[in-house]
Protein backbone atom coordinates (compact mmCIF):
# COMPACT_ATOMS: atom_id res chain seq x y z
CA MET A 1 81.36 126.08 110.11
CA GLU A 2 84.77 126.62 108.56
CA LYS A 3 87.55 124.33 109.74
CA ILE A 4 90.42 126.06 111.50
CA LEU A 5 93.70 124.74 110.13
CA PRO A 6 97.03 124.72 111.97
CA ASP A 7 99.24 127.73 111.30
CA TYR A 8 102.81 128.97 111.68
CA ALA A 9 102.20 131.11 114.79
CA LEU A 10 104.09 128.88 117.25
CA GLU A 11 107.09 128.74 114.92
CA GLU A 12 107.02 132.52 114.51
CA ALA A 13 106.85 132.97 118.28
CA ALA A 14 109.90 130.75 118.71
CA ALA A 15 111.74 132.67 115.98
CA ALA A 16 110.94 135.92 117.81
CA ARG A 17 112.71 134.45 120.85
CA GLY A 18 115.84 133.95 118.76
CA PHE A 19 115.52 130.38 117.51
CA CYS A 20 116.45 129.75 113.87
CA ARG A 21 115.76 126.09 113.06
CA ILE A 22 112.35 125.16 114.47
CA VAL A 23 111.07 121.63 114.01
CA GLY A 24 107.73 119.92 114.69
CA VAL A 25 107.64 116.41 116.15
CA ASP A 26 104.80 113.90 116.37
CA GLU A 27 104.35 110.15 116.71
CA VAL A 28 101.81 107.56 115.63
CA GLY A 29 101.16 104.09 116.93
CA ARG A 30 100.75 104.35 120.69
CA GLY A 31 97.45 102.48 120.68
CA PRO A 32 97.93 99.49 118.34
CA LEU A 33 98.39 95.94 119.59
CA ALA A 34 101.16 95.29 117.05
CA GLY A 35 104.02 97.01 115.29
CA PRO A 36 106.48 99.74 116.23
CA VAL A 37 105.72 103.24 117.38
CA THR A 38 106.91 105.71 114.74
CA ALA A 39 107.84 109.36 115.09
CA ALA A 40 108.72 112.06 112.60
CA ALA A 41 110.50 115.38 112.97
CA VAL A 42 109.89 117.97 110.24
CA TRP A 43 111.42 121.34 109.46
CA LEU A 44 109.35 123.38 107.03
CA ASN A 45 110.83 126.09 104.87
CA PRO A 46 108.80 129.19 105.83
CA ALA A 47 108.77 130.24 102.18
CA HIS A 48 107.31 126.90 101.03
CA ILE A 49 104.73 125.72 103.54
CA PRO A 50 102.41 123.22 101.82
CA VAL A 51 98.79 124.31 101.58
CA GLY A 52 96.30 122.12 103.44
CA LEU A 53 98.53 120.79 106.21
CA ASN A 54 96.47 119.35 109.04
CA ASP A 55 96.43 116.59 111.61
CA SER A 56 96.93 113.37 109.65
CA LYS A 57 93.64 111.98 110.99
CA GLN A 58 91.83 114.85 109.24
CA VAL A 59 93.47 114.30 105.85
CA GLY A 60 92.58 111.52 103.40
CA PRO A 61 95.21 109.12 101.99
CA ALA A 62 95.49 110.80 98.57
CA GLN A 63 95.92 114.24 100.09
CA ARG A 64 98.44 112.89 102.62
CA ALA A 65 100.54 111.53 99.76
CA LEU A 66 100.50 114.89 97.96
CA LEU A 67 101.45 116.71 101.16
CA LEU A 68 104.29 114.27 101.79
CA ASP A 69 105.73 115.05 98.34
CA ALA A 70 105.52 118.78 99.09
CA ILE A 71 107.15 118.33 102.50
CA LYS A 72 109.98 116.32 100.97
CA ALA A 73 110.51 118.88 98.21
CA HIS A 74 111.27 121.80 100.51
CA GLY A 75 111.62 120.50 104.07
CA ASP A 76 113.87 118.34 106.20
CA ILE A 77 112.49 115.04 107.54
CA GLY A 78 113.76 112.75 110.26
CA ILE A 79 112.07 109.44 111.10
CA GLY A 80 112.53 107.30 114.19
CA HIS A 81 111.02 104.07 115.51
CA ALA A 82 110.85 102.18 118.76
CA SER A 83 110.47 98.45 118.39
CA VAL A 84 107.91 96.13 119.93
CA GLU A 85 110.64 94.86 122.26
CA GLU A 86 111.38 98.41 123.40
CA ILE A 87 107.67 99.11 123.89
CA ASP A 88 107.32 96.01 126.07
CA THR A 89 110.49 96.78 128.03
CA LEU A 90 110.17 100.53 128.54
CA ASN A 91 106.36 101.09 128.31
CA ILE A 92 104.62 102.79 125.42
CA LEU A 93 105.11 106.38 126.63
CA ARG A 94 108.88 106.04 127.03
CA ALA A 95 109.14 104.14 123.75
CA SER A 96 107.22 106.93 122.00
CA HIS A 97 109.65 109.48 123.41
CA LEU A 98 112.60 107.35 122.31
CA ALA A 99 111.18 107.29 118.76
CA MET A 100 110.86 111.08 118.89
CA GLU A 101 114.47 111.49 120.01
CA ARG A 102 115.60 109.23 117.16
CA ALA A 103 113.52 111.18 114.63
CA ILE A 104 115.11 114.46 115.74
CA GLY A 105 118.54 112.85 115.52
CA ALA A 106 117.82 111.70 111.95
CA LEU A 107 117.33 115.23 110.57
CA ARG A 108 119.93 116.43 108.08
CA ILE A 109 120.39 119.66 110.04
CA ALA A 110 119.98 119.69 113.82
CA PRO A 111 117.25 122.00 115.12
CA ASP A 112 117.72 124.55 117.87
CA HIS A 113 114.09 124.33 119.03
CA VAL A 114 111.43 121.62 118.72
CA LEU A 115 107.66 121.70 119.11
CA ILE A 116 106.56 118.37 120.59
CA ASP A 117 102.99 117.16 120.21
CA GLY A 118 101.55 116.36 123.63
CA ASN A 119 102.09 117.53 127.18
CA MET A 120 105.56 116.11 127.86
CA ILE A 121 109.10 116.61 126.63
CA PRO A 122 111.16 113.42 126.14
CA ARG A 123 113.63 113.29 128.99
CA GLY A 124 116.52 112.28 126.75
CA LEU A 125 116.17 115.38 124.56
CA ARG A 126 119.21 117.67 124.43
CA VAL A 127 117.69 120.59 122.55
CA SER A 128 115.34 123.42 123.49
CA ALA A 129 111.77 122.12 123.35
CA GLU A 130 108.20 122.94 124.23
CA PRO A 131 105.21 120.60 124.48
CA VAL A 132 102.11 121.58 122.50
CA ILE A 133 98.84 119.97 123.49
CA LYS A 134 96.87 119.01 120.35
CA GLY A 135 99.85 120.33 118.45
CA ASP A 136 98.94 118.61 115.17
CA ALA A 137 95.85 120.85 115.05
CA ARG A 138 97.81 124.01 115.96
CA SER A 139 101.24 123.90 114.30
CA VAL A 140 101.88 123.22 110.62
CA SER A 141 105.27 121.71 111.49
CA ILE A 142 103.70 119.23 113.91
CA ALA A 143 100.90 118.52 111.42
CA ALA A 144 103.53 117.76 108.78
CA ALA A 145 105.28 115.42 111.22
CA SER A 146 102.01 113.62 111.93
CA ILE A 147 101.49 113.03 108.20
CA VAL A 148 105.02 111.74 107.65
CA ALA A 149 104.81 109.44 110.69
CA LYS A 150 101.42 108.03 109.71
CA ILE A 151 102.37 107.31 106.10
CA THR A 152 105.63 105.69 107.22
CA ARG A 153 104.02 103.48 109.84
CA ASP A 154 101.09 102.51 107.63
CA GLN A 155 103.58 101.29 105.02
CA ILE A 156 105.40 99.22 107.64
CA MET A 157 102.17 97.60 108.80
CA GLY A 158 101.08 96.99 105.22
CA ASP A 159 104.36 95.17 104.55
CA LEU A 160 103.98 93.12 107.74
CA ALA A 161 100.43 92.20 106.69
CA THR A 162 101.80 90.35 103.66
CA VAL A 163 103.96 88.21 105.96
CA HIS A 164 101.29 87.76 108.62
CA PRO A 165 97.87 87.77 106.88
CA GLY A 166 94.66 87.39 108.79
CA TYR A 167 95.00 90.24 111.29
CA GLY A 168 93.92 93.04 108.95
CA TRP A 169 97.06 95.11 109.45
CA GLU A 170 96.83 96.41 105.88
CA THR A 171 93.70 98.33 106.91
CA ASN A 172 93.82 98.61 110.72
CA ALA A 173 97.58 99.31 111.06
CA GLY A 174 97.70 97.03 114.09
CA TYR A 175 94.89 98.68 116.05
CA GLY A 176 92.54 96.41 117.98
CA THR A 177 89.72 96.10 115.48
CA LYS A 178 87.28 93.20 115.44
CA LEU A 179 89.24 91.55 112.62
CA HIS A 180 92.49 91.91 114.53
CA HIS A 181 91.00 90.35 117.68
CA GLU A 182 89.54 87.51 115.61
CA GLY A 183 92.97 86.95 114.05
CA LEU A 184 94.60 86.84 117.46
CA ARG A 185 92.17 84.20 118.68
CA ALA A 186 92.41 82.10 115.51
CA LEU A 187 96.08 82.49 114.61
CA GLY A 188 97.78 83.40 117.86
CA VAL A 189 100.44 85.97 118.67
CA THR A 190 103.16 87.00 116.19
CA PRO A 191 106.61 88.39 117.01
CA HIS A 192 105.23 91.81 116.07
CA HIS A 193 102.56 91.85 118.79
CA ARG A 194 103.05 93.92 121.93
CA ARG A 195 103.04 91.39 124.73
CA SER A 196 102.62 94.05 127.41
CA PHE A 197 99.25 95.10 125.95
CA LYS A 198 96.35 93.41 127.72
CA PRO A 199 94.55 91.73 124.76
CA VAL A 200 97.82 90.14 123.60
CA HIS A 201 98.87 89.22 127.15
CA ASN A 202 95.49 87.57 127.71
CA ILE A 203 95.82 85.45 124.57
CA LEU A 204 99.33 84.35 125.57
CA TYR A 205 98.28 83.38 129.06
CA GLN A 206 94.74 82.25 128.21
CA VAL A 207 93.13 84.78 130.52
CA GLU A 208 89.36 84.79 130.17
């Protein structure tokens, strides 16, 4: 069965309503036990949409790198993060939305409409927006944002892994894999762990 790739239909529909600068937004890193949540906002030039754009989870590392180069060559990219402290203070949903707002604010040219992956619009957003459920599988702009966000966050976690070895962040990106849980039990909690997440909280407070 042939895979159905995301397309430009949602962007075209927004353009038909009068919007000119339409941007896709996605985040990665809601689930991990460690590290920031990272969002990307991407405007794609309609005349230069990279071939093969898809949800970052459906694209291998080598292809993601090639797509990132193509996105950079013709598009506009904004990246935003919310820190572990913000995640623990606000909760992961609000922190994810904050990262999205920061990513939109980091674009070279402000959009007049954004397509947000998910079912909610960040409440701090001051631009026309629409939520798109499973947007990274439907919109090429959101798919591009998912690729940019994943590559960016994976690099952050890889760098942190060199400072804090033993948790497997270079391969698990902070998600709760067996190696990560073993590292938590053996090595304890780092400043980059999310203390509001149950497995980390339980280690800190020795909850059985």
